[in-house]
Amino acid sequence: KAPAEHEPPIPEFVDTVIYVVGLSGLG
C-alpha cells in the first residue's frame, strides 16, 4: 500500500514503528 493524506495516524508517544510489507506482491 501507499498511505493516503490522513494516514497513518501514529501517536507521538510511540517509540517503535513497524512497517509491514507483503512480499507476495513482488513480481
mmCIF file of all heavy atoms, coordinates in Angstrom:
data_MODEL
# 
_entry.id   MODEL 
# 
loop_
_atom_site.group_PDB 
_atom_site.id 
_atom_site.type_symbol 
_atom_site.label_atom_id 
_atom_site.label_alt_id 
_atom_site.label_comp_id 
_atom_site.label_asym_id 
_atom_site.label_entity_id 
_atom_site.label_seq_id 
_atom_site.pdbx_PDB_ins_code 
_atom_site.Cartn_x 
_atom_site.Cartn_y 
_atom_site.Cartn_z 
_atom_site.occupancy 
_atom_site.B_iso_or_equiv 
_atom_site.pdbx_formal_charge 
_atom_site.auth_seq_id 
_atom_site.auth_comp_id 
_atom_site.auth_asym_id 
_atom_site.auth_atom_id 
_atom_site.pdbx_PDB_model_num 
ATOM 1   N N   . LYS A 1 1  ? 0.840  -1.193  0.000   1.00 0.00 ? 1  LYS A N   1 
ATOM 2   C CA  . LYS A 1 1  ? 0.000  0.000   0.000   1.00 0.00 ? 1  LYS A CA  1 
ATOM 3   C C   . LYS A 1 1  ? 0.876  1.244   0.000   1.00 0.00 ? 1  LYS A C   1 
ATOM 4   O O   . LYS A 1 1  ? 2.088  1.182   0.275   1.00 0.00 ? 1  LYS A O   1 
ATOM 5   C CB  . LYS A 1 1  ? -0.930 0.028   1.206   1.00 0.00 ? 1  LYS A CB  1 
ATOM 6   C CG  . LYS A 1 1  ? -0.247 0.347   2.527   1.00 0.00 ? 1  LYS A CG  1 
ATOM 7   C CD  . LYS A 1 1  ? -1.256 0.745   3.600   1.00 0.00 ? 1  LYS A CD  1 
ATOM 8   C CE  . LYS A 1 1  ? -1.934 2.041   3.275   1.00 0.00 ? 1  LYS A CE  1 
ATOM 9   N NZ  . LYS A 1 1  ? -2.901 2.480   4.298   1.00 0.00 ? 1  LYS A NZ  1 
ATOM 10  N N   . ALA A 1 2  ? 0.244  2.365   -0.305  1.00 0.00 ? 2  ALA A N   1 
ATOM 11  C CA  . ALA A 1 2  ? 0.837  3.680   -0.091  1.00 0.00 ? 2  ALA A CA  1 
ATOM 12  C C   . ALA A 1 2  ? -0.173 4.481   0.726   1.00 0.00 ? 2  ALA A C   1 
ATOM 13  O O   . ALA A 1 2  ? -1.381 4.369   0.511   1.00 0.00 ? 2  ALA A O   1 
ATOM 14  C CB  . ALA A 1 2  ? 1.128  4.367   -1.420  1.00 0.00 ? 2  ALA A CB  1 
ATOM 15  N N   . PRO A 1 3  ? 0.297  5.269   1.689   1.00 0.00 ? 3  PRO A N   1 
ATOM 16  C CA  . PRO A 1 3  ? -0.643 5.946   2.588   1.00 0.00 ? 3  PRO A CA  1 
ATOM 17  C C   . PRO A 1 3  ? -1.379 7.106   1.922   1.00 0.00 ? 3  PRO A C   1 
ATOM 18  O O   . PRO A 1 3  ? -0.842 7.784   1.035   1.00 0.00 ? 3  PRO A O   1 
ATOM 19  C CB  . PRO A 1 3  ? 0.258  6.450   3.722   1.00 0.00 ? 3  PRO A CB  1 
ATOM 20  C CG  . PRO A 1 3  ? 1.614  6.547   3.115   1.00 0.00 ? 3  PRO A CG  1 
ATOM 21  C CD  . PRO A 1 3  ? 1.694  5.471   2.087   1.00 0.00 ? 3  PRO A CD  1 
ATOM 22  N N   . ALA A 1 4  ? -2.614 7.303   2.363   1.00 0.00 ? 4  ALA A N   1 
ATOM 23  C CA  . ALA A 1 4  ? -3.391 8.465   1.937   1.00 0.00 ? 4  ALA A CA  1 
ATOM 24  C C   . ALA A 1 4  ? -2.962 9.682   2.751   1.00 0.00 ? 4  ALA A C   1 
ATOM 25  O O   . ALA A 1 4  ? -2.113 9.585   3.645   1.00 0.00 ? 4  ALA A O   1 
ATOM 26  C CB  . ALA A 1 4  ? -4.877 8.188   2.130   1.00 0.00 ? 4  ALA A CB  1 
ATOM 27  N N   . GLU A 1 5  ? -3.556 10.821  2.451   1.00 0.00 ? 5  GLU A N   1 
ATOM 28  C CA  . GLU A 1 5  ? -3.186 12.063  3.148   1.00 0.00 ? 5  GLU A CA  1 
ATOM 29  C C   . GLU A 1 5  ? -3.357 11.942  4.658   1.00 0.00 ? 5  GLU A C   1 
ATOM 30  O O   . GLU A 1 5  ? -2.560 12.467  5.429   1.00 0.00 ? 5  GLU A O   1 
ATOM 31  C CB  . GLU A 1 5  ? -4.034 13.233  2.621   1.00 0.00 ? 5  GLU A CB  1 
ATOM 32  C CG  . GLU A 1 5  ? -3.578 13.784  1.284   1.00 0.00 ? 5  GLU A CG  1 
ATOM 33  C CD  . GLU A 1 5  ? -2.194 14.390  1.341   1.00 0.00 ? 5  GLU A CD  1 
ATOM 34  O OE1 . GLU A 1 5  ? -1.879 15.076  2.338   1.00 0.00 ? 5  GLU A OE1 1 
ATOM 35  O OE2 . GLU A 1 5  ? -1.412 14.175  0.399   1.00 0.00 ? 5  GLU A OE2 1 
ATOM 36  N N   . HIS A 1 6  ? -4.418 11.245  5.095   1.00 0.00 ? 6  HIS A N   1 
ATOM 37  C CA  . HIS A 1 6  ? -4.726 11.181  6.521   1.00 0.00 ? 6  HIS A CA  1 
ATOM 38  C C   . HIS A 1 6  ? -4.036 10.014  7.224   1.00 0.00 ? 6  HIS A C   1 
ATOM 39  O O   . HIS A 1 6  ? -4.251 9.801   8.420   1.00 0.00 ? 6  HIS A O   1 
ATOM 40  C CB  . HIS A 1 6  ? -6.237 11.056  6.718   1.00 0.00 ? 6  HIS A CB  1 
ATOM 41  C CG  . HIS A 1 6  ? -6.811 9.800   6.124   1.00 0.00 ? 6  HIS A CG  1 
ATOM 42  N ND1 . HIS A 1 6  ? -7.070 9.670   4.780   1.00 0.00 ? 6  HIS A ND1 1 
ATOM 43  C CD2 . HIS A 1 6  ? -7.154 8.602   6.696   1.00 0.00 ? 6  HIS A CD2 1 
ATOM 44  C CE1 . HIS A 1 6  ? -7.557 8.460   4.536   1.00 0.00 ? 6  HIS A CE1 1 
ATOM 45  N NE2 . HIS A 1 6  ? -7.622 7.795   5.680   1.00 0.00 ? 6  HIS A NE2 1 
ATOM 46  N N   . GLU A 1 7  ? -3.219 9.255   6.511   1.00 0.00 ? 7  GLU A N   1 
ATOM 47  C CA  . GLU A 1 7  ? -2.615 8.045   7.072   1.00 0.00 ? 7  GLU A CA  1 
ATOM 48  C C   . GLU A 1 7  ? -1.096 8.191   7.188   1.00 0.00 ? 7  GLU A C   1 
ATOM 49  O O   . GLU A 1 7  ? -0.484 8.946   6.434   1.00 0.00 ? 7  GLU A O   1 
ATOM 50  C CB  . GLU A 1 7  ? -2.915 6.838   6.173   1.00 0.00 ? 7  GLU A CB  1 
ATOM 51  C CG  . GLU A 1 7  ? -4.350 6.426   6.101   1.00 0.00 ? 7  GLU A CG  1 
ATOM 52  C CD  . GLU A 1 7  ? -4.502 5.227   5.175   1.00 0.00 ? 7  GLU A CD  1 
ATOM 53  O OE1 . GLU A 1 7  ? -3.875 5.207   4.090   1.00 0.00 ? 7  GLU A OE1 1 
ATOM 54  O OE2 . GLU A 1 7  ? -5.268 4.312   5.531   1.00 0.00 ? 7  GLU A OE2 1 
ATOM 55  N N   . PRO A 1 8  ? -0.524 7.354   8.068   1.00 0.00 ? 8  PRO A N   1 
ATOM 56  C CA  . PRO A 1 8  ? -1.170 6.588   9.139   1.00 0.00 ? 8  PRO A CA  1 
ATOM 57  C C   . PRO A 1 8  ? -1.258 7.435   10.405  1.00 0.00 ? 8  PRO A C   1 
ATOM 58  O O   . PRO A 1 8  ? -0.371 8.239   10.670  1.00 0.00 ? 8  PRO A O   1 
ATOM 59  C CB  . PRO A 1 8  ? -0.189 5.411   9.343   1.00 0.00 ? 8  PRO A CB  1 
ATOM 60  C CG  . PRO A 1 8  ? 1.146  5.979   8.989   1.00 0.00 ? 8  PRO A CG  1 
ATOM 61  C CD  . PRO A 1 8  ? 0.901  7.014   7.909   1.00 0.00 ? 8  PRO A CD  1 
ATOM 62  N N   . PRO A 1 9  ? -2.339 7.287   11.173  1.00 0.00 ? 9  PRO A N   1 
ATOM 63  C CA  . PRO A 1 9  ? -2.457 8.036   12.428  1.00 0.00 ? 9  PRO A CA  1 
ATOM 64  C C   . PRO A 1 9  ? -1.611 7.403   13.535  1.00 0.00 ? 9  PRO A C   1 
ATOM 65  O O   . PRO A 1 9  ? -2.066 6.532   14.281  1.00 0.00 ? 9  PRO A O   1 
ATOM 66  C CB  . PRO A 1 9  ? -3.959 7.957   12.741  1.00 0.00 ? 9  PRO A CB  1 
ATOM 67  C CG  . PRO A 1 9  ? -4.420 6.700   12.057  1.00 0.00 ? 9  PRO A CG  1 
ATOM 68  C CD  . PRO A 1 9  ? -3.542 6.497   10.871  1.00 0.00 ? 9  PRO A CD  1 
ATOM 69  N N   . ILE A 1 10 ? -0.360 7.817   13.626  1.00 0.00 ? 10 ILE A N   1 
ATOM 70  C CA  . ILE A 1 10 ? 0.578  7.267   14.614  1.00 0.00 ? 10 ILE A CA  1 
ATOM 71  C C   . ILE A 1 10 ? 0.739  8.268   15.747  1.00 0.00 ? 10 ILE A C   1 
ATOM 72  O O   . ILE A 1 10 ? 1.183  9.404   15.530  1.00 0.00 ? 10 ILE A O   1 
ATOM 73  C CB  . ILE A 1 10 ? 1.952  6.987   13.970  1.00 0.00 ? 10 ILE A CB  1 
ATOM 74  C CG1 . ILE A 1 10 ? 1.818  5.963   12.854  1.00 0.00 ? 10 ILE A CG1 1 
ATOM 75  C CG2 . ILE A 1 10 ? 2.948  6.500   15.021  1.00 0.00 ? 10 ILE A CG2 1 
ATOM 76  C CD1 . ILE A 1 10 ? 3.113  5.691   12.097  1.00 0.00 ? 10 ILE A CD1 1 
ATOM 77  N N   . PRO A 1 11 ? 0.388  7.909   16.978  1.00 0.00 ? 11 PRO A N   1 
ATOM 78  C CA  . PRO A 1 11 ? 0.532  8.843   18.102  1.00 0.00 ? 11 PRO A CA  1 
ATOM 79  C C   . PRO A 1 11 ? 1.998  9.199   18.360  1.00 0.00 ? 11 PRO A C   1 
ATOM 80  O O   . PRO A 1 11 ? 2.903  8.388   18.129  1.00 0.00 ? 11 PRO A O   1 
ATOM 81  C CB  . PRO A 1 11 ? -0.062 8.066   19.285  1.00 0.00 ? 11 PRO A CB  1 
ATOM 82  C CG  . PRO A 1 11 ? -0.923 7.007   18.669  1.00 0.00 ? 11 PRO A CG  1 
ATOM 83  C CD  . PRO A 1 11 ? -0.260 6.650   17.385  1.00 0.00 ? 11 PRO A CD  1 
ATOM 84  N N   . GLU A 1 12 ? 2.229  10.392  18.853  1.00 0.00 ? 12 GLU A N   1 
ATOM 85  C CA  . GLU A 1 12 ? 3.596  10.865  19.102  1.00 0.00 ? 12 GLU A CA  1 
ATOM 86  C C   . GLU A 1 12 ? 4.306  10.084  20.199  1.00 0.00 ? 12 GLU A C   1 
ATOM 87  O O   . GLU A 1 12 ? 5.528  10.067  20.251  1.00 0.00 ? 12 GLU A O   1 
ATOM 88  C CB  . GLU A 1 12 ? 3.571  12.355  19.475  1.00 0.00 ? 12 GLU A CB  1 
ATOM 89  C CG  . GLU A 1 12 ? 3.512  13.289  18.276  1.00 0.00 ? 12 GLU A CG  1 
ATOM 90  C CD  . GLU A 1 12 ? 4.741  13.174  17.388  1.00 0.00 ? 12 GLU A CD  1 
ATOM 91  O OE1 . GLU A 1 12 ? 5.860  13.073  17.925  1.00 0.00 ? 12 GLU A OE1 1 
ATOM 92  O OE2 . GLU A 1 12 ? 4.580  13.181  16.161  1.00 0.00 ? 12 GLU A OE2 1 
ATOM 93  N N   . PHE A 1 13 ? 3.547  9.436   21.081  1.00 0.00 ? 13 PHE A N   1 
ATOM 94  C CA  . PHE A 1 13 ? 4.195  8.714   22.185  1.00 0.00 ? 13 PHE A CA  1 
ATOM 95  C C   . PHE A 1 13 ? 4.815  7.378   21.736  1.00 0.00 ? 13 PHE A C   1 
ATOM 96  O O   . PHE A 1 13 ? 5.522  6.739   22.508  1.00 0.00 ? 13 PHE A O   1 
ATOM 97  C CB  . PHE A 1 13 ? 3.210  8.460   23.337  1.00 0.00 ? 13 PHE A CB  1 
ATOM 98  C CG  . PHE A 1 13 ? 2.039  7.581   22.980  1.00 0.00 ? 13 PHE A CG  1 
ATOM 99  C CD1 . PHE A 1 13 ? 2.186  6.199   22.873  1.00 0.00 ? 13 PHE A CD1 1 
ATOM 100 C CD2 . PHE A 1 13 ? 0.780  8.131   22.771  1.00 0.00 ? 13 PHE A CD2 1 
ATOM 101 C CE1 . PHE A 1 13 ? 1.102  5.385   22.555  1.00 0.00 ? 13 PHE A CE1 1 
ATOM 102 C CE2 . PHE A 1 13 ? -0.306 7.325   22.453  1.00 0.00 ? 13 PHE A CE2 1 
ATOM 103 C CZ  . PHE A 1 13 ? -0.139 5.950   22.343  1.00 0.00 ? 13 PHE A CZ  1 
ATOM 104 N N   . VAL A 1 14 ? 4.557  6.959   20.528  1.00 0.00 ? 14 VAL A N   1 
ATOM 105 C CA  . VAL A 1 14 ? 5.056  5.670   20.041  1.00 0.00 ? 14 VAL A CA  1 
ATOM 106 C C   . VAL A 1 14 ? 6.579  5.670   20.000  1.00 0.00 ? 14 VAL A C   1 
ATOM 107 O O   . VAL A 1 14 ? 7.193  6.628   19.525  1.00 0.00 ? 14 VAL A O   1 
ATOM 108 C CB  . VAL A 1 14 ? 4.469  5.380   18.643  1.00 0.00 ? 14 VAL A CB  1 
ATOM 109 C CG1 . VAL A 1 14 ? 5.243  4.291   17.925  1.00 0.00 ? 14 VAL A CG1 1 
ATOM 110 C CG2 . VAL A 1 14 ? 3.003  5.001   18.765  1.00 0.00 ? 14 VAL A CG2 1 
ATOM 111 N N   . ASP A 1 15 ? 7.194  4.602   20.517  1.00 0.00 ? 15 ASP A N   1 
ATOM 112 C CA  . ASP A 1 15 ? 8.658  4.513   20.487  1.00 0.00 ? 15 ASP A CA  1 
ATOM 113 C C   . ASP A 1 15 ? 9.187  3.525   19.453  1.00 0.00 ? 15 ASP A C   1 
ATOM 114 O O   . ASP A 1 15 ? 10.384 3.452   19.208  1.00 0.00 ? 15 ASP A O   1 
ATOM 115 C CB  . ASP A 1 15 ? 9.223  4.154   21.871  1.00 0.00 ? 15 ASP A CB  1 
ATOM 116 C CG  . ASP A 1 15 ? 8.682  2.856   22.437  1.00 0.00 ? 15 ASP A CG  1 
ATOM 117 O OD1 . ASP A 1 15 ? 8.486  1.895   21.664  1.00 0.00 ? 15 ASP A OD1 1 
ATOM 118 O OD2 . ASP A 1 15 ? 8.465  2.787   23.668  1.00 0.00 ? 15 ASP A OD2 1 
ATOM 119 N N   . THR A 1 16 ? 8.294  2.739   18.823  1.00 0.00 ? 16 THR A N   1 
ATOM 120 C CA  . THR A 1 16 ? 8.691  1.780   17.790  1.00 0.00 ? 16 THR A CA  1 
ATOM 121 C C   . THR A 1 16 ? 7.614  1.748   16.707  1.00 0.00 ? 16 THR A C   1 
ATOM 122 O O   . THR A 1 16 ? 6.431  1.608   17.016  1.00 0.00 ? 16 THR A O   1 
ATOM 123 C CB  . THR A 1 16 ? 8.854  0.363   18.379  1.00 0.00 ? 16 THR A CB  1 
ATOM 124 O OG1 . THR A 1 16 ? 9.805  0.385   19.445  1.00 0.00 ? 16 THR A OG1 1 
ATOM 125 C CG2 . THR A 1 16 ? 9.326  -0.613  17.308  1.00 0.00 ? 16 THR A CG2 1 
ATOM 126 N N   . VAL A 1 17 ? 8.029  1.892   15.450  1.00 0.00 ? 17 VAL A N   1 
ATOM 127 C CA  . VAL A 1 17 ? 7.108  1.789   14.331  1.00 0.00 ? 17 VAL A CA  1 
ATOM 128 C C   . VAL A 1 17 ? 7.530  0.607   13.465  1.00 0.00 ? 17 VAL A C   1 
ATOM 129 O O   . VAL A 1 17 ? 8.690  0.515   13.041  1.00 0.00 ? 17 VAL A O   1 
ATOM 130 C CB  . VAL A 1 17 ? 7.072  3.075   13.492  1.00 0.00 ? 17 VAL A CB  1 
ATOM 131 C CG1 . VAL A 1 17 ? 6.201  2.877   12.248  1.00 0.00 ? 17 VAL A CG1 1 
ATOM 132 C CG2 . VAL A 1 17 ? 6.545  4.239   14.316  1.00 0.00 ? 17 VAL A CG2 1 
ATOM 133 N N   . ILE A 1 18 ? 6.594  -0.295  13.215  1.00 0.00 ? 18 ILE A N   1 
ATOM 134 C CA  . ILE A 1 18 ? 6.831  -1.460  12.361  1.00 0.00 ? 18 ILE A CA  1 
ATOM 135 C C   . ILE A 1 18 ? 6.053  -1.257  11.071  1.00 0.00 ? 18 ILE A C   1 
ATOM 136 O O   . ILE A 1 18 ? 4.824  -1.116  11.097  1.00 0.00 ? 18 ILE A O   1 
ATOM 137 C CB  . ILE A 1 18 ? 6.378  -2.753  13.056  1.00 0.00 ? 18 ILE A CB  1 
ATOM 138 C CG1 . ILE A 1 18 ? 7.127  -2.944  14.379  1.00 0.00 ? 18 ILE A CG1 1 
ATOM 139 C CG2 . ILE A 1 18 ? 6.601  -3.965  12.144  1.00 0.00 ? 18 ILE A CG2 1 
ATOM 140 C CD1 . ILE A 1 18 ? 6.553  -4.055  15.253  1.00 0.00 ? 18 ILE A CD1 1 
ATOM 141 N N   . TYR A 1 19 ? 6.758  -1.206  9.943   1.00 0.00 ? 19 TYR A N   1 
ATOM 142 C CA  . TYR A 1 19 ? 6.079  -1.074  8.654   1.00 0.00 ? 19 TYR A CA  1 
ATOM 143 C C   . TYR A 1 19 ? 6.118  -2.426  7.970   1.00 0.00 ? 19 TYR A C   1 
ATOM 144 O O   . TYR A 1 19 ? 7.191  -2.981  7.708   1.00 0.00 ? 19 TYR A O   1 
ATOM 145 C CB  . TYR A 1 19 ? 6.750  -0.014  7.781   1.00 0.00 ? 19 TYR A CB  1 
ATOM 146 C CG  . TYR A 1 19 ? 5.859  0.426   6.635   1.00 0.00 ? 19 TYR A CG  1 
ATOM 147 C CD1 . TYR A 1 19 ? 4.999  1.514   6.782   1.00 0.00 ? 19 TYR A CD1 1 
ATOM 148 C CD2 . TYR A 1 19 ? 5.853  -0.260  5.434   1.00 0.00 ? 19 TYR A CD2 1 
ATOM 149 C CE1 . TYR A 1 19 ? 4.163  1.909   5.747   1.00 0.00 ? 19 TYR A CE1 1 
ATOM 150 C CE2 . TYR A 1 19 ? 5.014  0.130   4.388   1.00 0.00 ? 19 TYR A CE2 1 
ATOM 151 C CZ  . TYR A 1 19 ? 4.165  1.216   4.559   1.00 0.00 ? 19 TYR A CZ  1 
ATOM 152 O OH  . TYR A 1 19 ? 3.331  1.594   3.538   1.00 0.00 ? 19 TYR A OH  1 
ATOM 153 N N   . VAL A 1 20 ? 4.932  -2.973  7.678   1.00 0.00 ? 20 VAL A N   1 
ATOM 154 C CA  . VAL A 1 20 ? 4.800  -4.326  7.156   1.00 0.00 ? 20 VAL A CA  1 
ATOM 155 C C   . VAL A 1 20 ? 4.659  -4.295  5.643   1.00 0.00 ? 20 VAL A C   1 
ATOM 156 O O   . VAL A 1 20 ? 3.904  -3.490  5.084   1.00 0.00 ? 20 VAL A O   1 
ATOM 157 C CB  . VAL A 1 20 ? 3.590  -5.046  7.786   1.00 0.00 ? 20 VAL A CB  1 
ATOM 158 C CG1 . VAL A 1 20 ? 3.547  -6.510  7.328   1.00 0.00 ? 20 VAL A CG1 1 
ATOM 159 C CG2 . VAL A 1 20 ? 3.657  -4.973  9.312   1.00 0.00 ? 20 VAL A CG2 1 
ATOM 160 N N   . VAL A 1 21 ? 5.387  -5.186  4.985   1.00 0.00 ? 21 VAL A N   1 
ATOM 161 C CA  . VAL A 1 21 ? 5.305  -5.360  3.537   1.00 0.00 ? 21 VAL A CA  1 
ATOM 162 C C   . VAL A 1 21 ? 4.988  -6.818  3.249   1.00 0.00 ? 21 VAL A C   1 
ATOM 163 O O   . VAL A 1 21 ? 5.633  -7.717  3.807   1.00 0.00 ? 21 VAL A O   1 
ATOM 164 C CB  . VAL A 1 21 ? 6.644  -4.976  2.863   1.00 0.00 ? 21 VAL A CB  1 
ATOM 165 C CG1 . VAL A 1 21 ? 6.670  -5.422  1.402   1.00 0.00 ? 21 VAL A CG1 1 
ATOM 166 C CG2 . VAL A 1 21 ? 6.883  -3.475  2.974   1.00 0.00 ? 21 VAL A CG2 1 
ATOM 167 N N   . GLY A 1 22 ? 4.033  -7.074  2.376   1.00 0.00 ? 22 GLY A N   1 
ATOM 168 C CA  . GLY A 1 22 ? 3.732  -8.436  1.942   1.00 0.00 ? 22 GLY A CA  1 
ATOM 169 C C   . GLY A 1 22 ? 4.517  -8.768  0.682   1.00 0.00 ? 22 GLY A C   1 
ATOM 170 O O   . GLY A 1 22 ? 4.260  -8.198  -0.388  1.00 0.00 ? 22 GLY A O   1 
ATOM 171 N N   . LEU A 1 23 ? 5.490  -9.670  0.808   1.00 0.00 ? 23 LEU A N   1 
ATOM 172 C CA  . LEU A 1 23 ? 6.347  -9.981  -0.341  1.00 0.00 ? 23 LEU A CA  1 
ATOM 173 C C   . LEU A 1 23 ? 5.619  -10.759 -1.434  1.00 0.00 ? 23 LEU A C   1 
ATOM 174 O O   . LEU A 1 23 ? 6.167  -10.935 -2.526  1.00 0.00 ? 23 LEU A O   1 
ATOM 175 C CB  . LEU A 1 23 ? 7.574  -10.757 0.126   1.00 0.00 ? 23 LEU A CB  1 
ATOM 176 C CG  . LEU A 1 23 ? 8.550  -9.983  1.020   1.00 0.00 ? 23 LEU A CG  1 
ATOM 177 C CD1 . LEU A 1 23 ? 9.767  -10.837 1.334   1.00 0.00 ? 23 LEU A CD1 1 
ATOM 178 C CD2 . LEU A 1 23 ? 8.979  -8.676  0.371   1.00 0.00 ? 23 LEU A CD2 1 
ATOM 179 N N   . SER A 1 24 ? 4.386  -11.196 -1.175  1.00 0.00 ? 24 SER A N   1 
ATOM 180 C CA  . SER A 1 24 ? 3.621  -11.844 -2.244  1.00 0.00 ? 24 SER A CA  1 
ATOM 181 C C   . SER A 1 24 ? 3.319  -10.866 -3.373  1.00 0.00 ? 24 SER A C   1 
ATOM 182 O O   . SER A 1 24 ? 2.956  -11.268 -4.483  1.00 0.00 ? 24 SER A O   1 
ATOM 183 C CB  . SER A 1 24 ? 2.311  -12.420 -1.698  1.00 0.00 ? 24 SER A CB  1 
ATOM 184 O OG  . SER A 1 24 ? 1.471  -11.393 -1.207  1.00 0.00 ? 24 SER A OG  1 
ATOM 185 N N   . GLY A 1 25 ? 3.483  -9.555  -3.110  1.00 0.00 ? 25 GLY A N   1 
ATOM 186 C CA  . GLY A 1 25 ? 3.283  -8.552  -4.148  1.00 0.00 ? 25 GLY A CA  1 
ATOM 187 C C   . GLY A 1 25 ? 4.436  -8.431  -5.123  1.00 0.00 ? 25 GLY A C   1 
ATOM 188 O O   . GLY A 1 25 ? 4.288  -7.829  -6.193  1.00 0.00 ? 25 GLY A O   1 
ATOM 189 N N   . LEU A 1 26 ? 5.597  -8.989  -4.779  1.00 0.00 ? 26 LEU A N   1 
ATOM 190 C CA  . LEU A 1 26 ? 6.746  -8.909  -5.673  1.00 0.00 ? 26 LEU A CA  1 
ATOM 191 C C   . LEU A 1 26 ? 6.459  -9.612  -7.001  1.00 0.00 ? 26 LEU A C   1 
ATOM 192 O O   . LEU A 1 26 ? 5.933  -10.733 -7.021  1.00 0.00 ? 26 LEU A O   1 
ATOM 193 C CB  . LEU A 1 26 ? 7.975  -9.550  -5.024  1.00 0.00 ? 26 LEU A CB  1 
ATOM 194 C CG  . LEU A 1 26 ? 8.841  -8.657  -4.137  1.00 0.00 ? 26 LEU A CG  1 
ATOM 195 C CD1 . LEU A 1 26 ? 9.915  -9.483  -3.459  1.00 0.00 ? 26 LEU A CD1 1 
ATOM 196 C CD2 . LEU A 1 26 ? 9.464  -7.525  -4.941  1.00 0.00 ? 26 LEU A CD2 1 
ATOM 197 N N   . GLY A 1 27 ? 6.823  -8.961  -8.079  1.00 0.00 ? 27 GLY A N   1 
ATOM 198 C CA  . GLY A 1 27 ? 6.617  -9.549  -9.406  1.00 0.00 ? 27 GLY A CA  1 
ATOM 199 C C   . GLY A 1 27 ? 5.210  -9.398  -9.944  1.00 0.00 ? 27 GLY A C   1 
ATOM 200 O O   . GLY A 1 27 ? 4.962  -9.698  -11.119 1.00 0.00 ? 27 GLY A O   1 
# 
